[in-house]
Amino acid sequence: MVKHIVMWTVRDGVSGKTKKENTLKLKEMLEALKHKIPFIKKLEVGINYAVDDAAYDVVLYSEFESRADLEAYVVHPDHQALKDFIINIRDKRCFVDYET
């Protein structure tokens, strides 16, 4: 099993939307991938409620059967369609991929 975890901080005021509005839209868009990409075994999106300089705003937790499935997810057209939105609203991004 491969775990893929990504975290973002979201900028305020992008495209005339508040940070909260863009955060909620990102969550909605990511969660929609569950129904579009069949090799996603599990997908959760969380919005941070803690106030701390070290905190990120959004986390994506996803599971795949194999590295090949994760690689296919990364280049899948529905995943690629989110990239412009995410790049536009994010400030920072970090991720980790690991096998269990």
PDB file of N, CA and C in Angstrom:
ATOM      1  N   MET A   1       0.847  -1.179   0.000  1.00  0.00           N
ATOM      2  CA  MET A   1       0.000   0.000   0.000  1.00  0.00           C
ATOM      3  C   MET A   1       0.893   1.242   0.000  1.00  0.00           C
ATOM      4  N   VAL A   2       0.526   2.225  -0.810  1.00  0.00           N
ATOM      5  CA  VAL A   2       1.259   3.490  -0.897  1.00  0.00           C
ATOM      6  C   VAL A   2       0.388   4.595  -0.321  1.00  0.00           C
ATOM      7  N   LYS A   3       0.977   5.381   0.564  1.00  0.00           N
ATOM      8  CA  LYS A   3       0.296   6.534   1.162  1.00  0.00           C
ATOM      9  C   LYS A   3       0.874   7.797   0.537  1.00  0.00           C
ATOM     10  N   HIS A   4      -0.010   8.719   0.216  1.00  0.00           N
ATOM     11  CA  HIS A   4       0.368   9.998  -0.413  1.00  0.00           C
ATOM     12  C   HIS A   4      -0.282  11.102   0.406  1.00  0.00           C
ATOM     13  N   ILE A   5       0.550  11.921   1.047  1.00  0.00           N
ATOM     14  CA  ILE A   5       0.051  12.994   1.912  1.00  0.00           C
ATOM     15  C   ILE A   5       0.611  14.318   1.402  1.00  0.00           C
ATOM     16  N   VAL A   6      -0.280  15.277   1.207  1.00  0.00           N
ATOM     17  CA  VAL A   6       0.114  16.605   0.718  1.00  0.00           C
ATOM     18  C   VAL A   6      -0.519  17.652   1.626  1.00  0.00           C
ATOM     19  N   MET A   7       0.229  18.700   1.930  1.00  0.00           N
ATOM     20  CA  MET A   7      -0.301  19.813   2.730  1.00  0.00           C
ATOM     21  C   MET A   7      -0.027  21.128   2.002  1.00  0.00           C
ATOM     22  N   TRP A   8      -0.974  22.034   2.129  1.00  0.00           N
ATOM     23  CA  TRP A   8      -0.853  23.347   1.505  1.00  0.00           C
ATOM     24  C   TRP A   8      -1.205  24.445   2.504  1.00  0.00           C
ATOM     25  N   THR A   9      -0.602  25.608   2.314  1.00  0.00           N
ATOM     26  CA  THR A   9      -1.120  26.833   2.908  1.00  0.00           C
ATOM     27  C   THR A   9      -1.783  27.587   1.763  1.00  0.00           C
ATOM     28  N   VAL A  10      -2.869  28.265   2.072  1.00  0.00           N
ATOM     29  CA  VAL A  10      -3.677  28.952   1.062  1.00  0.00           C
ATOM     30  C   VAL A  10      -3.584  30.455   1.279  1.00  0.00           C
ATOM     31  N   ARG A  11      -3.366  31.170   0.175  1.00  0.00           N
ATOM     32  CA  ARG A  11      -3.271  32.632   0.240  1.00  0.00           C
ATOM     33  C   ARG A  11      -4.661  33.256   0.279  1.00  0.00           C
ATOM     34  N   ASP A  12      -4.767  34.386   0.886  1.00  0.00           N
ATOM     35  CA  ASP A  12      -6.041  35.112   0.978  1.00  0.00           C
ATOM     36  C   ASP A  12      -6.188  36.046  -0.213  1.00  0.00           C
ATOM     37  N   GLY A  13      -7.417  36.231  -0.679  1.00  0.00           N
ATOM     38  CA  GLY A  13      -7.707  37.220  -1.705  1.00  0.00           C
ATOM     39  C   GLY A  13      -7.401  36.811  -3.130  1.00  0.00           C
ATOM     40  N   VAL A  14      -7.163  35.533  -3.381  1.00  0.00           N
ATOM     41  CA  VAL A  14      -6.870  35.075  -4.735  1.00  0.00           C
ATOM     42  C   VAL A  14      -8.168  34.955  -5.527  1.00  0.00           C
ATOM     43  N   SER A  15      -8.184  35.497  -6.727  1.00  0.00           N
ATOM     44  CA  SER A  15      -9.356  35.471  -7.615  1.00  0.00           C
ATOM     45  C   SER A  15     -10.595  36.071  -6.946  1.00  0.00           C
ATOM     46  N   GLY A  16     -10.372  37.073  -6.089  1.00  0.00           N
ATOM     47  CA  GLY A  16     -11.482  37.751  -5.429  1.00  0.00           C
ATOM     48  C   GLY A  16     -12.175  36.928  -4.356  1.00  0.00           C
ATOM     49  N   LYS A  17     -11.557  35.835  -3.921  1.00  0.00           N
ATOM     50  CA  LYS A  17     -12.150  34.957  -2.906  1.00  0.00           C
ATOM     51  C   LYS A  17     -11.336  35.038  -1.622  1.00  0.00           C
ATOM     52  N   THR A  18     -12.000  34.765  -0.525  1.00  0.00           N
ATOM     53  CA  THR A  18     -11.293  34.724   0.750  1.00  0.00           C
ATOM     54  C   THR A  18     -10.496  33.428   0.856  1.00  0.00           C
ATOM     55  N   LYS A  19      -9.595  33.406   1.797  1.00  0.00           N
ATOM     56  CA  LYS A  19      -8.821  32.191   2.063  1.00  0.00           C
ATOM     57  C   LYS A  19      -9.763  31.028   2.387  1.00  0.00           C
ATOM     58  N   LYS A  20     -10.769  31.279   3.185  1.00  0.00           N
ATOM     59  CA  LYS A  20     -11.720  30.234   3.562  1.00  0.00           C
ATOM     60  C   LYS A  20     -12.476  29.708   2.340  1.00  0.00           C
ATOM     61  N   GLU A  21     -12.921  30.612   1.464  1.00  0.00           N
ATOM     62  CA  GLU A  21     -13.639  30.188   0.261  1.00  0.00           C
ATOM     63  C   GLU A  21     -12.759  29.309  -0.635  1.00  0.00           C
ATOM     64  N   ASN A  22     -11.514  29.709  -0.835  1.00  0.00           N
ATOM     65  CA  ASN A  22     -10.613  28.919  -1.667  1.00  0.00           C
ATOM     66  C   ASN A  22     -10.241  27.598  -1.001  1.00  0.00           C
ATOM     67  N   THR A  23     -10.120  27.605   0.307  1.00  0.00           N
ATOM     68  CA  THR A  23      -9.840  26.364   1.041  1.00  0.00           C
ATOM     69  C   THR A  23     -10.988  25.381   0.880  1.00  0.00           C
ATOM     70  N   LEU A  24     -12.205  25.844   1.022  1.00  0.00           N
ATOM     71  CA  LEU A  24     -13.379  24.969   0.869  1.00  0.00           C
ATOM     72  C   LEU A  24     -13.512  24.460  -0.567  1.00  0.00           C
ATOM     73  N   LYS A  25     -13.210  25.309  -1.544  1.00  0.00           N
ATOM     74  CA  LYS A  25     -13.264  24.886  -2.943  1.00  0.00           C
ATOM     75  C   LYS A  25     -12.203  23.821  -3.225  1.00  0.00           C
ATOM     76  N   LEU A  26     -11.011  24.005  -2.682  1.00  0.00           N
ATOM     77  CA  LEU A  26      -9.957  23.010  -2.849  1.00  0.00           C
ATOM     78  C   LEU A  26     -10.391  21.671  -2.262  1.00  0.00           C
ATOM     79  N   LYS A  27     -10.963  21.690  -1.080  1.00  0.00           N
ATOM     80  CA  LYS A  27     -11.445  20.466  -0.442  1.00  0.00           C
ATOM     81  C   LYS A  27     -12.485  19.772  -1.331  1.00  0.00           C
ATOM     82  N   GLU A  28     -13.426  20.530  -1.838  1.00  0.00           N
ATOM     83  CA  GLU A  28     -14.478  19.990  -2.701  1.00  0.00           C
ATOM     84  C   GLU A  28     -13.890  19.373  -3.976  1.00  0.00           C
ATOM     85  N   MET A  29     -12.958  20.064  -4.582  1.00  0.00           N
ATOM     86  CA  MET A  29     -12.349  19.581  -5.825  1.00  0.00           C
ATOM     87  C   MET A  29     -11.542  18.302  -5.589  1.00  0.00           C
ATOM     88  N   LEU A  30     -10.781  18.269  -4.507  1.00  0.00           N
ATOM     89  CA  LEU A  30      -9.998  17.081  -4.199  1.00  0.00           C
ATOM     90  C   LEU A  30     -10.891  15.886  -3.882  1.00  0.00           C
ATOM     91  N   GLU A  31     -11.934  16.114  -3.099  1.00  0.00           N
ATOM     92  CA  GLU A  31     -12.828  15.017  -2.742  1.00  0.00           C
ATOM     93  C   GLU A  31     -13.558  14.462  -3.958  1.00  0.00           C
ATOM     94  N   ALA A  32     -13.792  15.276  -4.961  1.00  0.00           N
ATOM     95  CA  ALA A  32     -14.458  14.812  -6.181  1.00  0.00           C
ATOM     96  C   ALA A  32     -13.601  13.797  -6.941  1.00  0.00           C
ATOM     97  N   LEU A  33     -12.292  13.821  -6.722  1.00  0.00           N
ATOM     98  CA  LEU A  33     -11.413  12.878  -7.408  1.00  0.00           C
ATOM     99  C   LEU A  33     -11.709  11.430  -7.019  1.00  0.00           C
ATOM    100  N   LYS A  34     -12.227  11.211  -5.811  1.00  0.00           N
ATOM    101  CA  LYS A  34     -12.566   9.853  -5.353  1.00  0.00           C
ATOM    102  C   LYS A  34     -13.481   9.144  -6.335  1.00  0.00           C
ATOM    103  N   HIS A  35     -14.374   9.903  -6.940  1.00  0.00           N
ATOM    104  CA  HIS A  35     -15.392   9.336  -7.824  1.00  0.00           C
ATOM    105  C   HIS A  35     -14.965   9.345  -9.299  1.00  0.00           C
ATOM    106  N   LYS A  36     -13.814   9.950  -9.571  1.00  0.00           N
ATOM    107  CA  LYS A  36     -13.363  10.083 -10.955  1.00  0.00           C
ATOM    108  C   LYS A  36     -12.170   9.199 -11.300  1.00  0.00           C
ATOM    109  N   ILE A  37     -11.366   8.860 -10.292  1.00  0.00           N
ATOM    110  CA  ILE A  37     -10.124   8.119 -10.531  1.00  0.00           C
ATOM    111  C   ILE A  37     -10.217   6.786  -9.795  1.00  0.00           C
ATOM    112  N   PRO A  38     -10.408   5.703 -10.521  1.00  0.00           N
ATOM    113  CA  PRO A  38     -10.730   4.424  -9.900  1.00  0.00           C
ATOM    114  C   PRO A  38      -9.636   3.801  -9.040  1.00  0.00           C
ATOM    115  N   PHE A  39      -8.385   4.138  -9.256  1.00  0.00           N
ATOM    116  CA  PHE A  39      -7.340   3.503  -8.469  1.00  0.00           C
ATOM    117  C   PHE A  39      -7.023   4.227  -7.170  1.00  0.00           C
ATOM    118  N   ILE A  40      -7.784   5.234  -6.797  1.00  0.00           N
ATOM    119  CA  ILE A  40      -7.684   5.824  -5.461  1.00  0.00           C
ATOM    120  C   ILE A  40      -8.406   4.874  -4.514  1.00  0.00           C
ATOM    121  N   LYS A  41      -7.678   4.306  -3.567  1.00  0.00           N
ATOM    122  CA  LYS A  41      -8.276   3.377  -2.603  1.00  0.00           C
ATOM    123  C   LYS A  41      -8.932   4.114  -1.443  1.00  0.00           C
ATOM    124  N   LYS A  42      -8.335   5.225  -1.055  1.00  0.00           N
ATOM    125  CA  LYS A  42      -8.876   6.027   0.045  1.00  0.00           C
ATOM    126  C   LYS A  42      -8.429   7.459  -0.180  1.00  0.00           C
ATOM    127  N   LEU A  43      -9.303   8.398   0.163  1.00  0.00           N
ATOM    128  CA  LEU A  43      -8.956   9.805   0.024  1.00  0.00           C
ATOM    129  C   LEU A  43      -9.696  10.586   1.092  1.00  0.00           C
ATOM    130  N   GLU A  44      -8.951  11.349   1.864  1.00  0.00           N
ATOM    131  CA  GLU A  44      -9.522  12.241   2.876  1.00  0.00           C
ATOM    132  C   GLU A  44      -8.899  13.618   2.707  1.00  0.00           C
ATOM    133  N   VAL A  45      -9.705  14.639   2.932  1.00  0.00           N
ATOM    134  CA  VAL A  45      -9.206  16.014   2.895  1.00  0.00           C
ATOM    135  C   VAL A  45      -9.619  16.676   4.194  1.00  0.00           C
ATOM    136  N   GLY A  46      -8.649  17.248   4.888  1.00  0.00           N
ATOM    137  CA  GLY A  46      -8.931  17.930   6.147  1.00  0.00           C
ATOM    138  C   GLY A  46      -8.557  19.391   6.062  1.00  0.00           C
ATOM    139  N   ILE A  47      -9.357  20.205   6.753  1.00  0.00           N
ATOM    140  CA  ILE A  47      -9.072  21.637   6.869  1.00  0.00           C
ATOM    141  C   ILE A  47      -8.638  21.896   8.305  1.00  0.00           C
ATOM    142  N   ASN A  48      -7.491  22.486   8.445  1.00  0.00           N
ATOM    143  CA  ASN A  48      -6.907  22.751   9.757  1.00  0.00           C
ATOM    144  C   ASN A  48      -7.715  23.791  10.524  1.00  0.00           C
ATOM    145  N   TYR A  49      -7.874  23.551  11.823  1.00  0.00           N
ATOM    146  CA  TYR A  49      -8.540  24.544  12.666  1.00  0.00           C
ATOM    147  C   TYR A  49      -7.570  25.197  13.648  1.00  0.00           C
ATOM    148  N   ALA A  50      -6.358  24.663  13.769  1.00  0.00           N
ATOM    149  CA  ALA A  50      -5.376  25.205  14.707  1.00  0.00           C
ATOM    150  C   ALA A  50      -4.781  26.506  14.168  1.00  0.00           C
ATOM    151  N   VAL A  51      -4.500  27.411  15.084  1.00  0.00           N
ATOM    152  CA  VAL A  51      -3.865  28.680  14.722  1.00  0.00           C
ATOM    153  C   VAL A  51      -2.432  28.630  15.230  1.00  0.00           C
ATOM    154  N   ASP A  52      -1.503  28.504  14.292  1.00  0.00           N
ATOM    155  CA  ASP A  52      -0.089  28.403  14.636  1.00  0.00           C
ATOM    156  C   ASP A  52       0.712  28.717  13.382  1.00  0.00           C
ATOM    157  N   ASP A  53       1.830  29.380  13.530  1.00  0.00           N
ATOM    158  CA  ASP A  53       2.664  29.733  12.374  1.00  0.00           C
ATOM    159  C   ASP A  53       3.176  28.511  11.623  1.00  0.00           C
ATOM    160  N   ALA A  54       3.308  27.379  12.302  1.00  0.00           N
ATOM    161  CA  ALA A  54       3.813  26.160  11.670  1.00  0.00           C
ATOM    162  C   ALA A  54       2.713  25.341  11.003  1.00  0.00           C
ATOM    163  N   ALA A  55       1.455  25.731  11.168  1.00  0.00           N
ATOM    164  CA  ALA A  55       0.328  24.941  10.663  1.00  0.00           C
ATOM    165  C   ALA A  55       0.088  25.181   9.177  1.00  0.00           C
ATOM    166  N   TYR A  56      -0.335  24.134   8.513  1.00  0.00           N
ATOM    167  CA  TYR A  56      -0.788  24.222   7.127  1.00  0.00           C
ATOM    168  C   TYR A  56      -2.314  24.296   7.139  1.00  0.00           C
ATOM    169  N   ASP A  57      -2.914  24.740   6.036  1.00  0.00           N
ATOM    170  CA  ASP A  57      -4.356  24.958   5.981  1.00  0.00           C
ATOM    171  C   ASP A  57      -5.147  23.729   5.548  1.00  0.00           C
ATOM    172  N   VAL A  58      -4.606  22.958   4.608  1.00  0.00           N
ATOM    173  CA  VAL A  58      -5.329  21.820   4.023  1.00  0.00           C
ATOM    174  C   VAL A  58      -4.385  20.631   3.956  1.00  0.00           C
ATOM    175  N   VAL A  59      -4.922  19.445   4.240  1.00  0.00           N
ATOM    176  CA  VAL A  59      -4.148  18.222   4.086  1.00  0.00           C
ATOM    177  C   VAL A  59      -4.936  17.228   3.244  1.00  0.00           C
ATOM    178  N   LEU A  60      -4.237  16.564   2.351  1.00  0.00           N
ATOM    179  CA  LEU A  60      -4.793  15.477   1.549  1.00  0.00           C
ATOM    180  C   LEU A  60      -4.115  14.193   1.992  1.00  0.00           C
ATOM    181  N   TYR A  61      -4.918  13.197   2.369  1.00  0.00           N
ATOM    182  CA  TYR A  61      -4.407  11.870   2.698  1.00  0.00           C
ATOM    183  C   TYR A  61      -5.028  10.911   1.697  1.00  0.00           C
ATOM    184  N   SER A  62      -4.188  10.189   0.968  1.00  0.00           N
ATOM    185  CA  SER A  62      -4.725   9.242  -0.006  1.00  0.00           C
ATOM    186  C   SER A  62      -3.902   7.960   0.003  1.00  0.00           C
ATOM    187  N   GLU A  63      -4.560   6.879  -0.413  1.00  0.00           N
ATOM    188  CA  GLU A  63      -3.925   5.569  -0.465  1.00  0.00           C
ATOM    189  C   GLU A  63      -4.101   4.960  -1.854  1.00  0.00           C
ATOM    190  N   PHE A  64      -3.045   4.255  -2.273  1.00  0.00           N
ATOM    191  CA  PHE A  64      -3.024   3.584  -3.568  1.00  0.00           C
ATOM    192  C   PHE A  64      -2.456   2.185  -3.377  1.00  0.00           C
ATOM    193  N   GLU A  65      -2.855   1.295  -4.235  1.00  0.00           N
ATOM    194  CA  GLU A  65      -2.395  -0.087  -4.155  1.00  0.00           C
ATOM    195  C   GLU A  65      -0.897  -0.214  -4.438  1.00  0.00           C
ATOM    196  N   SER A  66      -0.368   0.650  -5.305  1.00  0.00           N
ATOM    197  CA  SER A  66       1.030   0.520  -5.719  1.00  0.00           C
ATOM    198  C   SER A  66       1.600   1.875  -6.128  1.00  0.00           C
ATOM    199  N   ARG A  67       2.909   1.906  -6.295  1.00  0.00           N
ATOM    200  CA  ARG A  67       3.558   3.117  -6.806  1.00  0.00           C
ATOM    201  C   ARG A  67       3.067   3.443  -8.212  1.00  0.00           C
ATOM    202  N   ALA A  68       2.840   2.401  -9.003  1.00  0.00           N
ATOM    203  CA  ALA A  68       2.338   2.614 -10.364  1.00  0.00           C
ATOM    204  C   ALA A  68       0.976   3.300 -10.342  1.00  0.00           C
ATOM    205  N   ASP A  69       0.116   2.916  -9.398  1.00  0.00           N
ATOM    206  CA  ASP A  69      -1.200   3.566  -9.279  1.00  0.00           C
ATOM    207  C   ASP A  69      -1.053   5.030  -8.876  1.00  0.00           C
ATOM    208  N   LEU A  70      -0.135   5.318  -7.948  1.00  0.00           N
ATOM    209  CA  LEU A  70       0.109   6.712  -7.562  1.00  0.00           C
ATOM    210  C   LEU A  70       0.629   7.508  -8.752  1.00  0.00           C
ATOM    211  N   GLU A  71       1.545   6.938  -9.499  1.00  0.00           N
ATOM    212  CA  GLU A  71       2.085   7.629 -10.676  1.00  0.00           C
ATOM    213  C   GLU A  71       0.996   7.878 -11.728  1.00  0.00           C
ATOM    214  N   ALA A  72       0.096   6.916 -11.877  1.00  0.00           N
ATOM    215  CA  ALA A  72      -1.018   7.091 -12.819  1.00  0.00           C
ATOM    216  C   ALA A  72      -1.971   8.183 -12.333  1.00  0.00           C
ATOM    217  N   TYR A  73      -2.177   8.261 -11.032  1.00  0.00           N
ATOM    218  CA  TYR A  73      -3.010   9.317 -10.437  1.00  0.00           C
ATOM    219  C   TYR A  73      -2.422  10.698 -10.734  1.00  0.00           C
ATOM    220  N   VAL A  74      -1.123  10.831 -10.553  1.00  0.00           N
ATOM    221  CA  VAL A  74      -0.461  12.124 -10.735  1.00  0.00           C
ATOM    222  C   VAL A  74      -0.661  12.670 -12.153  1.00  0.00           C
ATOM    223  N   VAL A  75      -0.650  11.799 -13.160  1.00  0.00           N
ATOM    224  CA  VAL A  75      -0.791  12.267 -14.537  1.00  0.00           C
ATOM    225  C   VAL A  75      -2.227  12.153 -15.072  1.00  0.00           C
ATOM    226  N   HIS A  76      -3.128  11.666 -14.244  1.00  0.00           N
ATOM    227  CA  HIS A  76      -4.526  11.517 -14.672  1.00  0.00           C
ATOM    228  C   HIS A  76      -5.108  12.895 -15.027  1.00  0.00           C
ATOM    229  N   PRO A  77      -5.871  13.009 -16.110  1.00  0.00           N
ATOM    230  CA  PRO A  77      -6.419  14.311 -16.536  1.00  0.00           C
ATOM    231  C   PRO A  77      -7.261  15.016 -15.465  1.00  0.00           C
ATOM    232  N   ASP A  78      -8.011  14.268 -14.673  1.00  0.00           N
ATOM    233  CA  ASP A  78      -8.819  14.915 -13.630  1.00  0.00           C
ATOM    234  C   ASP A  78      -7.945  15.491 -12.518  1.00  0.00           C
ATOM    235  N   HIS A  79      -6.839  14.836 -12.227  1.00  0.00           N
ATOM    236  CA  HIS A  79      -5.889  15.381 -11.253  1.00  0.00           C
ATOM    237  C   HIS A  79      -5.167  16.586 -11.845  1.00  0.00           C
ATOM    238  N   GLN A  80      -4.748  16.470 -13.083  1.00  0.00           N
ATOM    239  CA  GLN A  80      -4.046  17.562 -13.756  1.00  0.00           C
ATOM    240  C   GLN A  80      -4.910  18.821 -13.839  1.00  0.00           C
ATOM    241  N   ALA A  81      -6.221  18.630 -13.971  1.00  0.00           N
ATOM    242  CA  ALA A  81      -7.143  19.769 -14.086  1.00  0.00           C
ATOM    243  C   ALA A  81      -7.150  20.642 -12.831  1.00  0.00           C
ATOM    244  N   LEU A  82      -6.746  20.101 -11.698  1.00  0.00           N
ATOM    245  CA  LEU A  82      -6.717  20.864 -10.443  1.00  0.00           C
ATOM    246  C   LEU A  82      -5.449  21.692 -10.286  1.00  0.00           C
ATOM    247  N   LYS A  83      -4.409  21.331 -11.000  1.00  0.00           N
ATOM    248  CA  LYS A  83      -3.103  21.930 -10.754  1.00  0.00           C
ATOM    249  C   LYS A  83      -3.085  23.451 -10.882  1.00  0.00           C
ATOM    250  N   ASP A  84      -3.699  23.998 -11.918  1.00  0.00           N
ATOM    251  CA  ASP A  84      -3.690  25.457 -12.084  1.00  0.00           C
ATOM    252  C   ASP A  84      -4.369  26.152 -10.917  1.00  0.00           C
ATOM    253  N   PHE A  85      -5.513  25.611 -10.480  1.00  0.00           N
ATOM    254  CA  PHE A  85      -6.212  26.201  -9.337  1.00  0.00           C
ATOM    255  C   PHE A  85      -5.327  26.159  -8.093  1.00  0.00           C
ATOM    256  N   ILE A  86      -4.741  24.998  -7.835  1.00  0.00           N
ATOM    257  CA  ILE A  86      -3.921  24.839  -6.629  1.00  0.00           C
ATOM    258  C   ILE A  86      -2.698  25.754  -6.681  1.00  0.00           C
ATOM    259  N   ILE A  87      -2.003  25.774  -7.798  1.00  0.00           N
ATOM    260  CA  ILE A  87      -0.816  26.628  -7.918  1.00  0.00           C
ATOM    261  C   ILE A  87      -1.181  28.094  -7.707  1.00  0.00           C
ATOM    262  N   ASN A  88      -2.349  28.495  -8.182  1.00  0.00           N
ATOM    263  CA  ASN A  88      -2.804  29.875  -8.052  1.00  0.00           C
ATOM    264  C   ASN A  88      -3.106  30.260  -6.602  1.00  0.00           C
ATOM    265  N   ILE A  89      -3.683  29.357  -5.824  1.00  0.00           N
ATOM    266  CA  ILE A  89      -4.113  29.725  -4.463  1.00  0.00           C
ATOM    267  C   ILE A  89      -3.106  29.388  -3.376  1.00  0.00           C
ATOM    268  N   ARG A  90      -2.149  28.520  -3.659  1.00  0.00           N
ATOM    269  CA  ARG A  90      -1.264  28.067  -2.589  1.00  0.00           C
ATOM    270  C   ARG A  90      -0.103  29.016  -2.348  1.00  0.00           C
ATOM    271  N   ASP A  91       0.343  28.997  -1.116  1.00  0.00           N
ATOM    272  CA  ASP A  91       1.560  29.700  -0.750  1.00  0.00           C
ATOM    273  C   ASP A  91       2.669  28.666  -0.609  1.00  0.00           C
ATOM    274  N   LYS A  92       2.465  27.688   0.267  1.00  0.00           N
ATOM    275  CA  LYS A  92       3.448  26.629   0.477  1.00  0.00           C
ATOM    276  C   LYS A  92       2.800  25.274   0.237  1.00  0.00           C
ATOM    277  N   ARG A  93       3.647  24.296  -0.099  1.00  0.00           N
ATOM    278  CA  ARG A  93       3.200  22.925  -0.310  1.00  0.00           C
ATOM    279  C   ARG A  93       4.293  21.998   0.180  1.00  0.00           C
ATOM    280  N   CYS A  94       3.891  20.917   0.815  1.00  0.00           N
ATOM    281  CA  CYS A  94       4.837  19.867   1.160  1.00  0.00           C
ATOM    282  C   CYS A  94       4.114  18.536   1.013  1.00  0.00           C
ATOM    283  N   PHE A  95       4.884  17.477   0.814  1.00  0.00           N
ATOM    284  CA  PHE A  95       4.253  16.171   0.660  1.00  0.00           C
ATOM    285  C   PHE A  95       5.201  15.069   1.076  1.00  0.00           C
ATOM    286  N   VAL A  96       4.623  13.890   1.291  1.00  0.00           N
ATOM    287  CA  VAL A  96       5.398  12.684   1.553  1.00  0.00           C
ATOM    288  C   VAL A  96       4.661  11.512   0.916  1.00  0.00           C
ATOM    289  N   ASP A  97       5.413  10.623   0.300  1.00  0.00           N
ATOM    290  CA  ASP A  97       4.892   9.372  -0.265  1.00  0.00           C
ATOM    291  C   ASP A  97       5.665   8.246   0.415  1.00  0.00           C
ATOM    292  N   TYR A  98       4.954   7.225   0.896  1.00  0.00           N
ATOM    293  CA  TYR A  98       5.636   6.109   1.541  1.00  0.00           C
ATOM    294  C   TYR A  98       4.838   4.834   1.374  1.00  0.00           C
ATOM    295  N   GLU A  99       5.515   3.704   1.561  1.00  0.00           N
ATOM    296  CA  GLU A  99       4.881   2.395   1.428  1.00  0.00           C
ATOM    297  C   GLU A  99       4.742   1.755   2.803  1.00  0.00           C
ATOM    298  N   THR A 100       3.654   0.986   2.953  1.00  0.00           N
ATOM    299  CA  THR A 100       3.458   0.231   4.202  1.00  0.00           C
ATOM    300  C   THR A 100       3.290  -1.240   3.883  1.00  0.00           C
TER     301      THR A 100
END
